[in-house]
Amino acid sequence: MFPTRPLGMRATRPLMSVPKENMSAHTISQRIRQLKKVPPELIPIGVVLGVAIGAAIYSCTHKLFADKTLRLSRNKPEDRAH
């Protein structure tokens, strides 16, 4: 018979160790250069998401400012008596 061996408790290696880039994206021009790394397949979905988020913001603000029946505060106590 083999003696039972203790559980092998070892420290795990990091799954994705990304090397730190020296001075990564410190200026605006360097950040713009990093945008070139975005795959071209993701650009259309980014445009669609941008339009959708813009439309949602417009719709919400338009509803808040244009709808006069929208309650923006609680009723006053004297209005509840009626």
Protein backbone atom coordinates (compact mmCIF):
# COMPACT_ATOMS: atom_id res chain seq x y z
CA MET A 1 0.00 0.00 0.00
CA PHE A 2 1.09 3.51 -0.79
CA PRO A 3 1.00 6.08 1.95
CA THR A 4 -1.45 8.88 1.32
CA ARG A 5 0.35 11.96 0.18
CA PRO A 6 -0.71 15.40 1.44
CA LEU A 7 -2.59 17.66 -0.91
CA GLY A 8 -0.25 19.53 -3.17
CA MET A 9 -1.01 23.12 -2.16
CA ARG A 10 1.06 25.25 -4.46
CA ALA A 11 0.76 28.85 -5.50
CA THR A 12 -0.87 29.14 -8.90
CA ARG A 13 0.69 31.10 -11.71
CA PRO A 14 -1.21 34.14 -12.98
CA LEU A 15 -3.35 33.18 -15.96
CA MET A 16 -2.61 36.18 -18.11
CA SER A 17 0.52 38.02 -17.19
CA VAL A 18 0.65 41.11 -19.36
CA PRO A 19 4.02 42.82 -19.45
CA LYS A 20 3.87 46.46 -18.46
CA GLU A 21 4.62 48.78 -21.32
CA ASN A 22 7.00 51.56 -20.57
CA MET A 23 5.02 54.83 -20.38
CA SER A 24 1.87 53.33 -21.90
CA ALA A 25 -0.43 56.02 -23.33
CA HIS A 26 0.64 59.13 -21.48
CA THR A 27 -0.23 61.67 -24.14
CA ILE A 28 -3.26 62.12 -26.36
CA SER A 29 -1.30 61.26 -29.49
CA GLN A 30 -0.14 58.01 -27.91
CA ARG A 31 -3.75 57.18 -26.98
CA ILE A 32 -4.86 57.85 -30.56
CA ARG A 33 -2.12 55.52 -31.79
CA GLN A 34 -3.52 52.82 -29.51
CA LEU A 35 -6.91 53.15 -31.22
CA LYS A 36 -5.28 51.72 -34.33
CA LYS A 37 -4.98 48.43 -32.45
CA VAL A 38 -8.80 48.07 -32.40
CA PRO A 39 -9.86 45.38 -34.87
CA PRO A 40 -11.81 46.84 -37.81
CA GLU A 41 -14.64 44.37 -37.20
CA LEU A 42 -15.47 46.16 -33.93
CA ILE A 43 -15.85 49.64 -35.43
CA PRO A 44 -19.43 49.14 -36.78
CA ILE A 45 -20.69 47.82 -33.45
CA GLY A 46 -19.04 50.77 -31.71
CA VAL A 47 -20.85 53.18 -34.03
CA VAL A 48 -24.18 51.41 -33.45
CA LEU A 49 -23.67 51.47 -29.67
CA GLY A 50 -22.74 55.14 -29.78
CA VAL A 51 -25.88 56.03 -31.74
CA ALA A 52 -28.04 53.90 -29.42
CA ILE A 53 -26.61 55.50 -26.27
CA GLY A 54 -27.02 58.98 -27.78
CA ALA A 55 -30.64 58.24 -28.71
CA ALA A 56 -31.35 56.93 -25.21
CA ILE A 57 -29.89 60.05 -23.58
CA TYR A 58 -31.87 62.29 -25.95
CA SER A 59 -35.08 60.35 -25.33
CA CYS A 60 -34.74 60.51 -21.54
CA THR A 61 -33.92 64.21 -21.41
CA HIS A 62 -36.68 65.03 -23.91
CA LYS A 63 -39.19 63.11 -21.76
CA LEU A 64 -38.11 64.95 -18.61
CA PHE A 65 -38.37 68.41 -20.17
CA ALA A 66 -41.35 68.00 -22.53
CA ASP A 67 -43.86 65.88 -20.54
CA LYS A 68 -45.87 68.24 -18.32
CA THR A 69 -47.84 65.38 -16.70
CA LEU A 70 -44.68 63.75 -15.34
CA ARG A 71 -44.45 63.96 -11.54
CA LEU A 72 -40.98 65.12 -10.56
CA SER A 73 -41.71 65.61 -6.83
CA ARG A 74 -44.06 64.33 -4.16
CA ASN A 75 -47.45 65.84 -3.59
CA LYS A 76 -47.59 68.57 -0.97
CA PRO A 77 -49.44 67.64 2.27
CA GLU A 78 -52.16 70.22 1.62
CA ASP A 79 -52.82 68.64 -1.80
CA ARG A 80 -53.45 65.24 -0.20
CA ALA A 81 -56.40 66.52 1.84
CA HIS A 82 -58.53 67.04 -1.28
